[in-house]
Protein backbone atom coordinates (compact mmCIF):
# COMPACT_ATOMS: atom_id res chain seq x y z
CA MET A 1 -44.72 -60.03 88.11
CA ILE A 2 -45.82 -58.32 91.53
CA ALA A 3 -44.11 -55.29 90.43
CA ILE A 4 -45.68 -55.62 86.60
CA LYS A 5 -49.13 -56.04 88.58
CA ALA A 6 -48.30 -52.67 90.74
CA VAL A 7 -46.81 -50.68 88.12
CA THR A 8 -49.85 -51.47 85.87
CA ALA A 9 -52.38 -50.53 88.41
CA LEU A 10 -50.62 -47.30 88.62
CA ALA A 11 -50.83 -46.51 84.93
CA LEU A 12 -54.46 -47.46 84.92
CA LEU A 13 -54.81 -45.05 87.89
CA LEU A 14 -53.33 -42.14 86.13
CA ALA A 15 -55.23 -43.09 82.97
CA SER A 16 -58.83 -43.11 84.46
CA PRO A 17 -60.63 -40.25 83.57
CA GLN A 18 -62.52 -40.70 87.29
CA ALA A 19 -59.40 -39.82 88.99
CA HIS A 20 -59.53 -36.24 90.49
CA PRO A 21 -56.30 -34.39 89.62
CA GLY A 22 -53.91 -33.14 91.60
CA VAL A 23 -54.98 -35.89 94.65
CA ILE A 24 -51.81 -38.15 94.39
CA GLY A 25 -48.75 -36.42 96.18
CA PRO A 26 -45.16 -35.87 94.77
CA GLY A 27 -43.44 -39.34 95.34
CA VAL A 28 -46.31 -41.71 96.55
CA GLN A 29 -46.78 -43.38 92.88
CA ARG A 30 -42.65 -44.24 93.09
CA ALA A 31 -43.37 -45.29 96.73
CA VAL A 32 -45.95 -47.70 95.68
CA GLU A 33 -44.27 -49.09 92.75
CA ARG A 34 -41.03 -49.73 94.41
CA HIS A 35 -42.27 -51.17 97.77
CA GLY A 36 -46.20 -52.31 96.69
CA THR A 37 -47.31 -50.09 99.57
CA ALA A 38 -46.69 -46.82 100.93
CA PHE A 39 -47.65 -45.12 104.53
CA VAL A 40 -49.41 -41.59 103.66
CA GLN A 41 -51.64 -39.52 104.86
CA VAL A 42 -55.09 -38.79 103.17
CA ALA A 43 -56.88 -35.57 103.52
CA PHE A 44 -60.71 -35.49 103.10
CA ALA A 45 -62.29 -33.47 101.24
CA ALA A 46 -64.68 -31.27 103.35
CA ARG A 47 -64.89 -28.03 104.84
CA GLN A 48 -63.88 -27.71 107.86
CA PRO A 49 -66.84 -26.75 110.54
CA ARG A 50 -67.10 -24.19 112.80
CA THR A 51 -67.34 -26.17 115.72
CA LEU A 52 -65.60 -29.15 117.38
CA ALA A 53 -68.78 -31.09 117.45
CA GLY A 54 -69.69 -30.29 114.23
CA LEU A 55 -66.60 -31.16 113.02
CA ARG A 56 -66.53 -34.77 115.09
CA SER A 57 -69.63 -35.55 113.09
CA THR A 58 -68.36 -34.51 109.70
CA VAL A 59 -65.31 -36.49 110.36
CA ARG A 60 -67.13 -39.82 111.67
CA SER A 61 -69.25 -39.83 108.31
CA VAL A 62 -66.47 -38.81 105.74
CA ARG A 63 -64.16 -41.33 107.55
CA THR A 64 -66.95 -43.76 106.97
CA ARG A 65 -67.59 -43.39 103.25
CA VAL A 66 -63.44 -43.27 102.68
CA LEU A 67 -62.65 -46.67 104.01
CA ALA A 68 -65.65 -48.37 102.56
CA ARG A 69 -64.54 -47.38 98.76
CA ALA A 70 -60.81 -47.97 99.83
CA GLY A 71 -61.34 -51.48 100.93
CA GLY A 72 -58.92 -53.85 101.99
CA GLY A 73 -56.48 -51.29 99.62
CA PHE A 74 -56.04 -48.94 102.48
CA ASN A 75 -54.99 -50.15 106.22
CA PRO A 76 -55.59 -47.10 108.86
CA ILE A 77 -53.24 -46.75 111.88
CA THR A 78 -54.92 -43.93 112.91
CA GLN A 79 -58.69 -43.22 114.86
CA TRP A 80 -58.41 -39.09 114.69
CA ASN A 81 -61.91 -38.22 115.35
CA ALA A 82 -61.20 -33.91 115.07
CA VAL A 83 -59.06 -34.38 112.01
CA LEU A 84 -60.03 -34.03 108.73
CA GLY A 85 -58.37 -36.79 107.31
CA MET A 86 -55.92 -40.25 108.35
CA ALA A 87 -53.20 -42.04 107.73
CA GLY A 88 -52.04 -45.47 107.26
CA TRP A 89 -50.61 -48.01 104.47
CA VAL A 90 -52.11 -47.69 101.04
CA THR A 91 -51.69 -50.52 97.90
CA PRO A 92 -51.92 -50.20 94.16
CA ALA A 93 -55.55 -51.20 94.54
CA GLY A 94 -56.21 -48.49 97.16
CA LEU A 95 -54.62 -46.03 96.06
CA ARG A 96 -56.74 -45.88 92.89
CA ARG A 97 -59.79 -46.25 94.67
CA LEU A 98 -58.88 -43.32 96.85
CA ALA A 99 -57.96 -41.22 93.98
CA THR A 100 -61.37 -41.47 92.54
CA SER A 101 -63.42 -40.80 95.57
CA PRO A 102 -65.22 -37.16 95.67
CA ASP A 103 -64.56 -37.40 99.36
CA VAL A 104 -60.70 -37.06 99.21
CA SER A 105 -58.65 -34.30 98.12
CA ARG A 106 -55.33 -35.07 98.88
CA VAL A 107 -53.13 -38.66 99.46
CA TYR A 108 -49.57 -37.43 100.08
CA LEU A 109 -46.30 -39.10 101.80
CA ASP A 110 -45.73 -38.37 105.35
CA MET A 111 -42.88 -36.14 106.58
CA ALA A 112 -39.93 -36.58 108.65
CA GLY A 113 -38.38 -34.15 110.81
CA HIS A 114 -36.49 -33.54 114.60
CA ALA A 115 -35.88 -31.72 117.80
CA GLN A 116 -35.01 -28.08 116.98
CA ASP A 117 -32.13 -27.86 119.60
CA LEU A 118 -30.25 -25.27 120.21
CA GLN A 119 -31.14 -17.36 129.91
CA ALA A 120 -33.56 -15.40 128.91
CA ASP A 121 -35.29 -13.89 132.07
CA ALA A 122 -34.39 -10.63 132.15
CA LEU A 123 -34.11 -9.80 128.55
CA VAL A 124 -38.16 -10.99 128.28
CA HIS A 125 -38.37 -9.50 131.75
CA ALA A 126 -40.20 -12.52 133.28
CA ASP A 127 -38.39 -12.05 136.41
CA GLN A 128 -40.71 -8.44 136.58
CA ALA A 129 -43.68 -10.76 135.71
CA ARG A 130 -42.92 -13.23 138.42
CA ALA A 131 -42.37 -10.09 141.22
CA ALA A 132 -45.69 -9.05 140.19
CA GLY A 133 -47.24 -12.81 141.20
CA TYR A 134 -47.01 -14.18 137.32
CA THR A 135 -45.83 -17.62 137.23
CA GLY A 136 -48.51 -19.45 135.67
CA THR A 137 -50.65 -20.47 138.19
CA GLY A 138 -53.86 -22.34 137.27
CA VAL A 139 -52.49 -22.91 133.69
CA THR A 140 -51.27 -26.37 132.19
CA VAL A 141 -48.90 -26.45 129.34
CA GLY A 142 -49.05 -29.22 126.76
CA ILE A 143 -45.48 -30.11 125.83
CA LEU A 144 -44.80 -32.27 122.38
CA ASP A 145 -40.99 -33.35 122.79
CA SER A 146 -38.54 -36.13 123.39
CA GLY A 147 -40.31 -36.57 127.28
CA ILE A 148 -39.75 -35.31 130.39
CA GLN A 149 -37.44 -36.85 133.34
CA GLU A 150 -40.55 -36.80 135.53
CA THR A 151 -38.33 -37.44 138.98
CA HIS A 152 -36.19 -33.95 138.33
CA PRO A 153 -36.65 -32.01 141.51
CA ASP A 154 -37.81 -28.83 139.54
CA LEU A 155 -40.06 -30.79 137.29
CA ALA A 156 -41.87 -33.47 139.36
CA ASP A 157 -44.37 -31.34 140.85
CA SER A 158 -45.40 -30.03 137.67
CA LEU A 159 -46.36 -33.09 136.24
CA VAL A 160 -50.00 -33.72 135.28
CA ALA A 161 -50.13 -36.83 132.71
CA GLU A 162 -48.05 -38.74 130.48
CA TYR A 163 -48.44 -40.11 126.97
CA CYS A 164 -46.40 -41.64 124.01
CA SER A 165 -47.07 -41.56 120.50
CA THR A 166 -43.61 -42.84 118.34
CA SER A 167 -43.17 -45.44 115.62
CA GLY A 168 -40.70 -48.18 115.62
CA GLY A 169 -42.01 -49.14 118.99
CA ASN A 170 -39.98 -46.23 120.46
CA CYS A 171 -42.08 -45.66 123.60
CA PRO A 172 -40.55 -46.61 126.39
CA ASN A 173 -42.76 -49.91 126.62
CA ARG A 174 -41.46 -50.70 122.98
CA LEU A 175 -44.96 -50.30 121.32
CA ASN A 176 -45.89 -47.59 119.35
CA THR A 177 -48.31 -45.78 122.17
CA GLN A 178 -48.47 -45.64 125.62
CA THR A 179 -50.11 -43.76 128.32
CA GLY A 180 -49.73 -43.18 131.98
CA ALA A 181 -46.41 -42.84 134.42
CA GLY A 182 -43.46 -43.55 132.43
CA ALA A 183 -45.15 -43.25 129.45
CA ALA A 184 -42.96 -39.87 128.43
CA ARG A 185 -39.52 -41.00 129.93
CA ASP A 186 -37.14 -38.70 128.24
CA ASP A 187 -34.15 -40.55 126.62
CA ASN A 188 -32.55 -37.82 124.66
CA GLY A 189 -32.59 -34.72 127.23
CA HIS A 190 -34.38 -32.22 125.24
CA GLY A 191 -37.26 -32.35 126.05
CA THR A 192 -36.33 -31.99 129.99
CA ASN A 193 -34.71 -29.01 128.91
CA VAL A 194 -37.81 -27.14 127.32
CA ALA A 195 -40.27 -28.37 130.42
CA GLY A 196 -37.90 -26.34 132.75
CA ILE A 197 -37.85 -23.48 130.50
CA VAL A 198 -41.68 -23.18 131.04
CA THR A 199 -41.83 -24.67 134.91
CA GLY A 200 -38.37 -25.75 136.33
CA ASN A 201 -39.03 -24.49 140.01
CA GLY A 202 -35.54 -23.44 140.59
CA THR A 203 -34.07 -25.56 142.86
CA ILE A 204 -31.45 -26.69 140.75
CA ALA A 205 -31.15 -25.17 137.18
CA PRO A 206 -32.63 -21.44 136.85
CA VAL A 207 -36.47 -20.83 137.15
CA GLY A 208 -38.53 -21.48 134.45
CA ILE A 209 -40.34 -18.64 133.13
CA ALA A 210 -43.97 -19.56 134.37
CA PRO A 211 -42.77 -21.80 137.30
CA SER A 212 -46.50 -22.68 138.82
CA THR A 213 -47.61 -24.00 135.56
CA LYS A 214 -48.70 -27.91 135.40
CA VAL A 215 -47.21 -29.85 132.38
CA VAL A 216 -48.39 -32.80 130.17
CA ALA A 217 -45.61 -34.63 128.57
CA VAL A 218 -46.15 -35.75 125.30
CA ARG A 219 -43.72 -37.72 124.00
CA VAL A 220 -43.09 -38.25 120.28
CA LEU A 221 -39.27 -38.01 119.28
CA ALA A 222 -37.47 -40.84 119.61
CA ALA A 223 -33.95 -41.24 121.61
CA ASP A 224 -32.12 -39.68 118.89
CA GLY A 225 -34.50 -36.55 118.82
CA SER A 226 -36.10 -37.40 115.80
CA PHE A 227 -39.64 -38.24 114.47
CA ASP A 228 -40.67 -40.81 111.16
CA SER A 229 -43.81 -39.30 110.57
CA THR A 230 -46.00 -36.08 111.24
CA ALA A 231 -48.62 -38.56 112.19
CA GLN A 232 -47.37 -39.57 115.25
CA VAL A 233 -47.13 -36.10 116.30
CA ILE A 234 -51.04 -35.36 115.11
CA THR A 235 -51.43 -38.38 117.46
CA GLY A 236 -50.00 -36.71 120.09
CA LEU A 237 -51.63 -33.55 119.68
CA HIS A 238 -54.97 -35.75 119.58
CA PHE A 239 -54.05 -37.23 123.03
CA ILE A 240 -54.63 -33.46 124.53
CA LEU A 241 -57.72 -32.69 122.20
CA ASP A 242 -59.63 -35.74 124.03
CA HIS A 243 -58.71 -35.06 127.36
CA PRO A 244 -60.23 -31.74 128.51
CA GLU A 245 -60.17 -33.04 132.01
CA TYR A 246 -56.07 -32.25 132.01
CA GLY A 247 -57.03 -28.19 131.14
CA VAL A 248 -54.29 -28.08 128.46
CA LYS A 249 -54.34 -24.86 127.26
CA VAL A 250 -51.04 -24.05 125.88
CA ILE A 251 -49.11 -26.09 123.65
CA ASN A 252 -45.30 -26.21 123.02
CA MET A 253 -43.57 -27.66 119.98
CA SER A 254 -39.79 -27.69 119.88
CA LEU A 255 -39.66 -29.53 116.91
CA GLY A 256 -40.14 -29.62 112.94
CA THR A 257 -39.87 -30.96 110.00
CA ASP A 258 -36.74 -31.75 107.75
CA ALA A 259 -38.13 -29.93 105.02
CA LEU A 260 -38.77 -26.22 104.94
CA PHE A 261 -41.63 -24.00 103.44
CA PRO A 262 -41.78 -20.33 102.41
CA GLY A 263 -44.60 -18.74 104.18
CA THR A 264 -47.83 -19.93 105.44
CA CYS A 265 -47.81 -24.04 104.55
CA ASP A 266 -51.23 -24.80 105.56
CA GLY A 267 -51.77 -26.78 102.35
CA ALA A 268 -48.58 -28.57 102.58
CA ASN A 269 -49.68 -31.26 105.40
CA PRO A 270 -53.72 -30.97 105.77
CA ASN A 271 -54.15 -33.39 108.31
CA PHE A 272 -51.58 -30.95 110.70
CA THR A 273 -53.64 -28.09 109.86
CA SER A 274 -56.59 -29.74 110.74
CA ILE A 275 -55.71 -31.02 114.04
CA VAL A 276 -54.25 -27.59 115.10
CA HIS A 277 -57.60 -26.26 113.97
CA SER A 278 -59.26 -28.38 116.06
CA LEU A 279 -57.18 -27.59 119.19
CA ARG A 280 -57.57 -23.71 118.51
CA LEU A 281 -61.89 -24.29 118.52
CA GLN A 282 -61.02 -26.10 121.89
CA GLY A 283 -59.52 -22.52 123.25
CA ILE A 284 -55.66 -23.69 123.04
CA THR A 285 -53.10 -21.70 121.67
CA LEU A 286 -50.13 -23.24 120.18
CA PHE A 287 -46.10 -22.54 119.73
CA ALA A 288 -43.81 -24.05 117.53
CA SER A 289 -39.90 -23.46 116.74
CA SER A 290 -39.21 -21.89 113.44
CA GLY A 291 -36.17 -24.13 113.01
CA ASN A 292 -32.06 -24.10 112.85
CA GLN A 293 -31.64 -24.13 109.42
CA ARG A 294 -30.29 -21.08 108.78
CA ALA A 295 -33.16 -20.03 106.42
CA THR A 296 -34.34 -16.68 105.92
CA THR A 297 -37.68 -17.45 103.32
CA GLU A 298 -38.59 -20.58 104.83
CA MET A 299 -39.18 -22.34 108.02
CA ALA A 300 -40.07 -25.99 109.05
CA LEU A 301 -43.76 -26.98 109.71
CA PRO A 302 -45.68 -26.96 112.30
CA ALA A 303 -44.38 -23.36 112.38
CA CYS A 304 -45.49 -22.34 109.11
CA ILE A 305 -49.10 -23.46 109.73
CA LYS A 306 -50.96 -20.11 109.96
CA GLU A 307 -52.95 -21.04 113.32
CA VAL A 308 -49.26 -21.95 115.12
CA VAL A 309 -47.73 -19.39 116.74
CA ALA A 310 -43.84 -19.51 114.90
CA VAL A 311 -40.93 -18.65 117.01
CA GLY A 312 -37.60 -17.79 116.23
CA ALA A 313 -34.73 -17.01 118.64
CA VAL A 314 -32.24 -13.87 119.54
CA TYR A 315 -29.16 -14.47 121.48
CA ASP A 316 -29.85 -13.27 125.06
CA SER A 317 -26.38 -11.65 125.61
CA ASN A 318 -23.44 -10.11 124.25
CA PHE A 319 -20.88 -13.64 124.87
CA GLY A 320 -18.39 -13.29 122.25
CA THR A 321 -18.63 -15.59 118.93
CA SER A 322 -21.25 -18.31 118.50
CA THR A 323 -20.16 -21.11 116.81
CA VAL A 324 -23.22 -23.81 117.14
CA PHE A 325 -25.02 -24.05 113.82
CA CYS A 326 -23.06 -21.24 112.31
CA ASN A 327 -20.36 -18.72 113.53
CA SER A 328 -21.72 -14.85 114.58
CA SER A 329 -21.04 -12.26 116.97
CA THR A 330 -23.71 -12.20 119.53
CA ALA A 331 -25.51 -9.61 121.46
CA ALA A 332 -28.72 -9.29 123.09
CA ASP A 333 -31.62 -8.73 120.98
CA LYS A 334 -29.44 -9.66 118.07
CA VAL A 335 -31.64 -12.57 115.67
CA THR A 336 -29.17 -15.59 116.13
CA CYS A 337 -27.38 -16.71 112.90
CA PHE A 338 -29.33 -20.05 112.50
CA SER A 339 -32.76 -19.17 113.16
CA ASN A 340 -35.12 -19.85 110.30
CA SER A 341 -37.17 -16.62 108.82
CA SER A 342 -40.18 -16.35 106.60
CA SER A 343 -43.36 -14.05 106.06
CA ALA A 344 -44.83 -16.62 108.42
CA LEU A 345 -42.71 -15.95 111.30
CA ASP A 346 -44.69 -14.60 114.56
CA LEU A 347 -42.31 -13.99 117.29
CA LEU A 348 -38.94 -13.84 118.58
CA ALA A 349 -37.51 -15.00 122.24
CA PRO A 350 -34.07 -15.90 123.61
CA GLY A 351 -32.73 -19.46 122.70
CA ALA A 352 -29.41 -19.10 123.09
CA ALA A 353 -27.31 -19.86 125.25
CA TYR A 354 -30.09 -21.45 127.52
CA THR A 355 -29.42 -23.33 130.71
CA SER A 356 -32.69 -25.02 132.03
CA THR A 357 -33.16 -28.48 133.41
CA GLY A 358 -31.31 -31.53 132.36
CA ARG A 359 -31.63 -35.46 132.40
CA GLY A 360 -30.10 -37.25 135.87
CA SER A 361 -31.92 -34.55 138.08
CA GLY A 362 -29.15 -31.88 136.69
CA THR A 363 -28.86 -29.01 134.43
CA SER A 364 -28.31 -28.75 130.66
CA THR A 365 -27.20 -26.11 128.14
CA TYR A 366 -29.18 -25.83 124.44
CA TYR A 367 -28.80 -23.36 122.08
CA GLY A 368 -32.14 -23.02 119.47
CA THR A 369 -35.39 -22.09 118.17
CA SER A 370 -36.52 -24.94 120.73
CA GLN A 371 -35.51 -23.09 123.81
CA ALA A 372 -37.26 -19.58 122.11
CA SER A 373 -40.58 -21.24 121.63
CA PRO A 374 -41.10 -22.17 125.37
CA THR A 375 -40.04 -19.03 126.60
CA ALA A 376 -43.23 -17.51 124.28
CA ALA A 377 -45.46 -20.36 125.43
CA ALA A 378 -45.13 -19.92 129.06
CA SER A 379 -45.54 -15.92 128.69
CA ALA A 380 -49.10 -17.31 126.91
CA ALA A 381 -49.59 -19.11 130.35
CA ASP A 382 -48.97 -16.06 132.46
CA LEU A 383 -51.22 -14.26 130.33
CA LEU A 384 -53.69 -16.74 131.07
CA GLN A 385 -53.16 -16.62 134.94
CA LYS A 386 -54.35 -13.08 134.82
CA ASN A 387 -57.19 -13.82 132.51
CA PRO A 388 -58.13 -16.92 131.92
CA SER A 389 -60.84 -16.09 129.43
CA LEU A 390 -57.96 -14.90 126.74
CA THR A 391 -58.87 -16.61 123.07
CA PRO A 392 -56.17 -18.02 121.30
CA ALA A 393 -56.05 -14.90 118.95
CA GLN A 394 -55.82 -12.19 121.92
CA ILE A 395 -52.97 -14.25 123.28
CA GLU A 396 -51.53 -13.87 120.04
CA SER A 397 -52.30 -10.71 119.22
CA THR A 398 -50.89 -9.30 123.07
CA LEU A 399 -47.78 -11.00 122.66
CA LYS A 400 -46.86 -9.32 118.76
CA ALA A 401 -48.75 -6.08 119.73
CA THR A 402 -46.51 -5.33 123.04
CA GLY A 403 -42.84 -7.15 122.00
CA LYS A 404 -40.19 -4.84 121.33
CA LEU A 405 -39.13 -4.82 117.45
CA VAL A 406 -35.94 -6.83 116.18
CA THR A 407 -34.96 -6.14 112.55
CA ASP A 408 -33.22 -9.15 111.51
CA SER A 409 -30.13 -8.09 109.53
CA ARG A 410 -29.97 -11.17 107.38
CA ASN A 411 -33.75 -10.17 105.34
CA GLY A 412 -34.52 -6.83 107.03
CA ARG A 413 -38.19 -8.86 108.44
CA VAL A 414 -38.74 -6.88 111.43
CA THR A 415 -41.05 -9.28 113.95
CA PRO A 416 -41.81 -8.70 117.73
CA ARG A 417 -39.47 -10.01 120.66
CA VAL A 418 -41.71 -11.63 123.04
CA ASP A 419 -41.88 -9.20 126.68
CA ALA A 420 -43.52 -10.85 129.26
CA ILE A 421 -44.29 -7.99 131.69
CA ALA A 422 -45.52 -5.42 128.85
CA ALA A 423 -47.88 -8.29 127.70
CA LEU A 424 -49.55 -8.82 131.23
CA ASN A 425 -49.58 -4.77 131.47
CA ALA A 426 -51.81 -4.05 128.18
CA PRO A 427 -54.97 -3.82 127.59
CA VAL A 428 -57.52 -6.71 126.24
CA ASP A 429 -58.86 -5.73 123.02
CA ASN A 430 -62.30 -6.89 122.97
CA THR A 431 -63.60 -4.31 120.25
CA ARG A 432 -65.71 -5.68 117.52
CA PRO A 433 -64.97 -4.81 113.64
CA THR A 434 -67.75 -3.33 112.14
CA ILE A 435 -68.53 -4.44 108.63
CA ARG A 436 -71.14 -2.31 106.64
CA LEU A 437 -72.78 -3.62 103.33
CA ARG A 438 -74.81 -1.85 100.34
CA ALA A 439 -77.80 -3.12 98.66
CA THR A 440 -77.64 -3.07 95.14
CA ASN A 441 -79.59 -3.97 91.87
CA VAL A 442 -77.96 -5.66 88.41
CA ARG A 443 -79.11 -7.05 85.40
CA ARG A 444 -79.34 -10.87 84.87
CA LYS A 445 -76.09 -11.75 83.67
CA ALA A 446 -74.37 -9.01 84.24
CA VAL A 447 -71.45 -8.56 86.68
CA ALA A 448 -72.54 -7.01 90.08
CA ILE A 449 -70.38 -4.55 92.02
CA LEU A 450 -70.78 -5.52 95.46
CA PHE A 451 -69.51 -2.61 98.24
CA PHE A 452 -68.65 -3.24 101.40
CA THR A 453 -66.84 -0.88 104.58
CA LEU A 454 -64.66 -1.89 106.93
CA SER A 455 -63.78 -0.43 110.43
CA ASP A 456 -61.43 -2.08 113.32
CA ASN A 457 -59.38 -0.50 115.82
CA SER A 458 -56.51 -2.55 115.05
CA GLY A 459 -56.92 -0.85 111.17
CA GLY A 460 -58.17 -4.10 109.79
CA ALA A 461 -59.49 -7.42 109.99
CA SER A 462 -60.11 -10.98 107.87
CA VAL A 463 -63.24 -10.98 105.58
CA ASP A 464 -65.43 -13.68 104.91
CA GLY A 465 -68.34 -14.45 103.18
CA GLY A 466 -70.42 -14.60 99.78
CA VAL A 467 -73.66 -14.70 98.02
CA TYR A 468 -76.60 -16.86 98.76
CA ARG A 469 -79.44 -17.62 97.34
CA ARG A 470 -82.20 -19.42 99.96
CA GLY A 471 -79.36 -20.37 101.92
CA LYS A 472 -77.95 -22.05 99.24
CA GLU A 473 -73.99 -20.24 98.42
CA LEU A 474 -73.69 -19.11 94.91
CA LYS A 475 -69.92 -17.31 95.18
CA HIS A 476 -67.50 -17.62 98.43
CA PHE A 477 -65.53 -14.95 98.89
CA GLY A 478 -62.19 -14.88 101.27
CA PRO A 479 -60.69 -15.26 103.85
CA LYS A 480 -58.78 -11.93 103.04
CA THR A 481 -57.15 -9.39 104.91
CA PHE A 482 -58.55 -5.61 104.54
CA ARG A 483 -57.02 -2.45 106.12
CA ASN A 484 -60.24 -0.25 107.05
CA GLY A 485 -61.79 1.12 103.96
CA ARG A 486 -64.18 0.58 101.50
CA TYR A 487 -63.94 -2.36 99.16
CA ARG A 488 -65.86 -4.19 96.84
CA PHE A 489 -66.27 -7.66 95.79
CA THR A 490 -67.80 -9.14 92.27
CA TRP A 491 -70.36 -11.29 91.18
CA ARG A 492 -71.88 -12.40 87.92
CA ALA A 493 -75.74 -12.50 88.25
CA SER A 494 -77.65 -15.61 87.02
CA GLY A 495 -79.97 -15.42 83.93
CA LYS A 496 -83.15 -15.22 85.83
CA ILE A 497 -85.05 -12.23 87.98
CA GLU A 498 -84.37 -12.90 91.57
CA HIS A 499 -83.31 -11.67 94.87
CA VAL A 500 -80.31 -12.69 96.44
CA ARG A 501 -78.20 -11.73 99.65
CA PHE A 502 -74.39 -10.34 99.66
CA CYS A 503 -73.49 -11.36 103.58
CA LEU A 504 -69.88 -11.08 104.94
CA SER A 505 -67.96 -11.25 108.48
CA ALA A 506 -65.41 -10.01 109.92
CA THR A 507 -62.26 -11.19 112.12
CA ASP A 508 -59.39 -9.00 113.46
CA ARG A 509 -56.14 -10.34 115.14
CA ALA A 510 -57.44 -10.59 118.26
CA GLY A 511 -60.23 -12.97 117.32
CA ASN A 512 -63.22 -10.55 117.52
CA GLN A 513 -65.70 -10.97 115.16
CA SER A 514 -68.37 -8.91 113.94
CA GLY A 515 -71.26 -10.70 113.04
CA LYS A 516 -72.95 -11.59 109.60
CA SER A 517 -73.77 -8.65 107.66
CA CYS A 518 -76.34 -8.88 104.60
CA ALA A 519 -77.68 -6.92 101.99
CA LEU A 520 -80.14 -7.73 99.38
CA VAL A 521 -78.92 -7.72 95.58
CA SER A 522 -81.71 -7.61 93.15
CA VAL A 523 -81.64 -9.45 89.73
CA THR A 524 -83.41 -7.64 87.14
């Protein structure tokens, strides 16, 4: 009888004219039918504010309305205040109410994932960076992984704070969350290896890329190296966002979903995309491993999110035939046979073989994009030591512009491999793009041709804007990337005589913004 009621409720949901199409994601209906409830993420239908304060205000008001509408049909387990969404358990009745809410854009099943398992010093010239005095001094890196051996002689002096966010009672205290000493105890070893790549001081294992960096260790992986849901990873990221006193400016995530995505995947998990954007607003640069499934056109999430720096792996030297994940000959700067790649890949770094700190106060050797990502993250820490005012966009663009270009023989894709000393020696791009608009006349109900000219020293920029009547947006354009040159947008005029404004702004790949430029559009 309970099952019949659940199916009936969902049938009514699908037939309801008030339900917004596309809101209920794949598999949600089946999960609720089968179990009577399902763990889901709910994405809010709200535009991303430009500031963190504005985002938190929007989240508070929208979440209040959504929970009131869902009533007892949705039990939230998160209290994210800077994510345009939430996670929790939904019933058939709750699903029906969420589907008809104007404040909900999507309800989707969460995703599981795992660590992206796999010496890079000379290849990325980290030894030269340290010789020049760049060791990540004054920079704190957040590491989301299986935890850290807090007492390891190479790591103990770097640890600033610990947190755990898991599911199924997998924190050391056998609960789902834990804060304070011991919260990030590493029961796997993966996180300890990753931490050593960033900040190991070289007493036992090889020295890290940036040995003076401090670390906030966030355990989001269980003892077997897996995570059950991205919600627990989002909660771990939110811990860093909520504690600016730790001074985290770089985050490394050597983990990824089991599911792979072609190109950028911002829409695949809107709540993960939202927390990433919030952290970028706070000036934090995020790195993630691309994954080790040997895919040449897809990557794991979060690496495929646009504002995450996605890092694939190259071999660090010729050490014969590698049989880890796949069989391949090896050579320095050869893309590994296991490294995922797609149009969303940003950087390459050494990931096989990588010896670093290990559990038991010893060493461990891993192969994988998991080891490539912290190499890039630590190089970002060196950049921030030299220039603490660098923005995430400037860090990303500098690492890309100065890396050695490597061609992946599997798909022909050319990607820069991190070069720490070249990045440190490069000038910072502070030049703002310029965008000029031309005023125009258009007859009522006719199509207006709205011309603009873009110029930037990098060769192009992303353009965003619209047409406005007394501050109200009539049509939105972008964001869309253009090369330098003259372009046009189109807009169909209204049926009345009036004056409106055509406004655009441009942002280059280093994050430099033009400011808003406007031109008058006269409807006659």
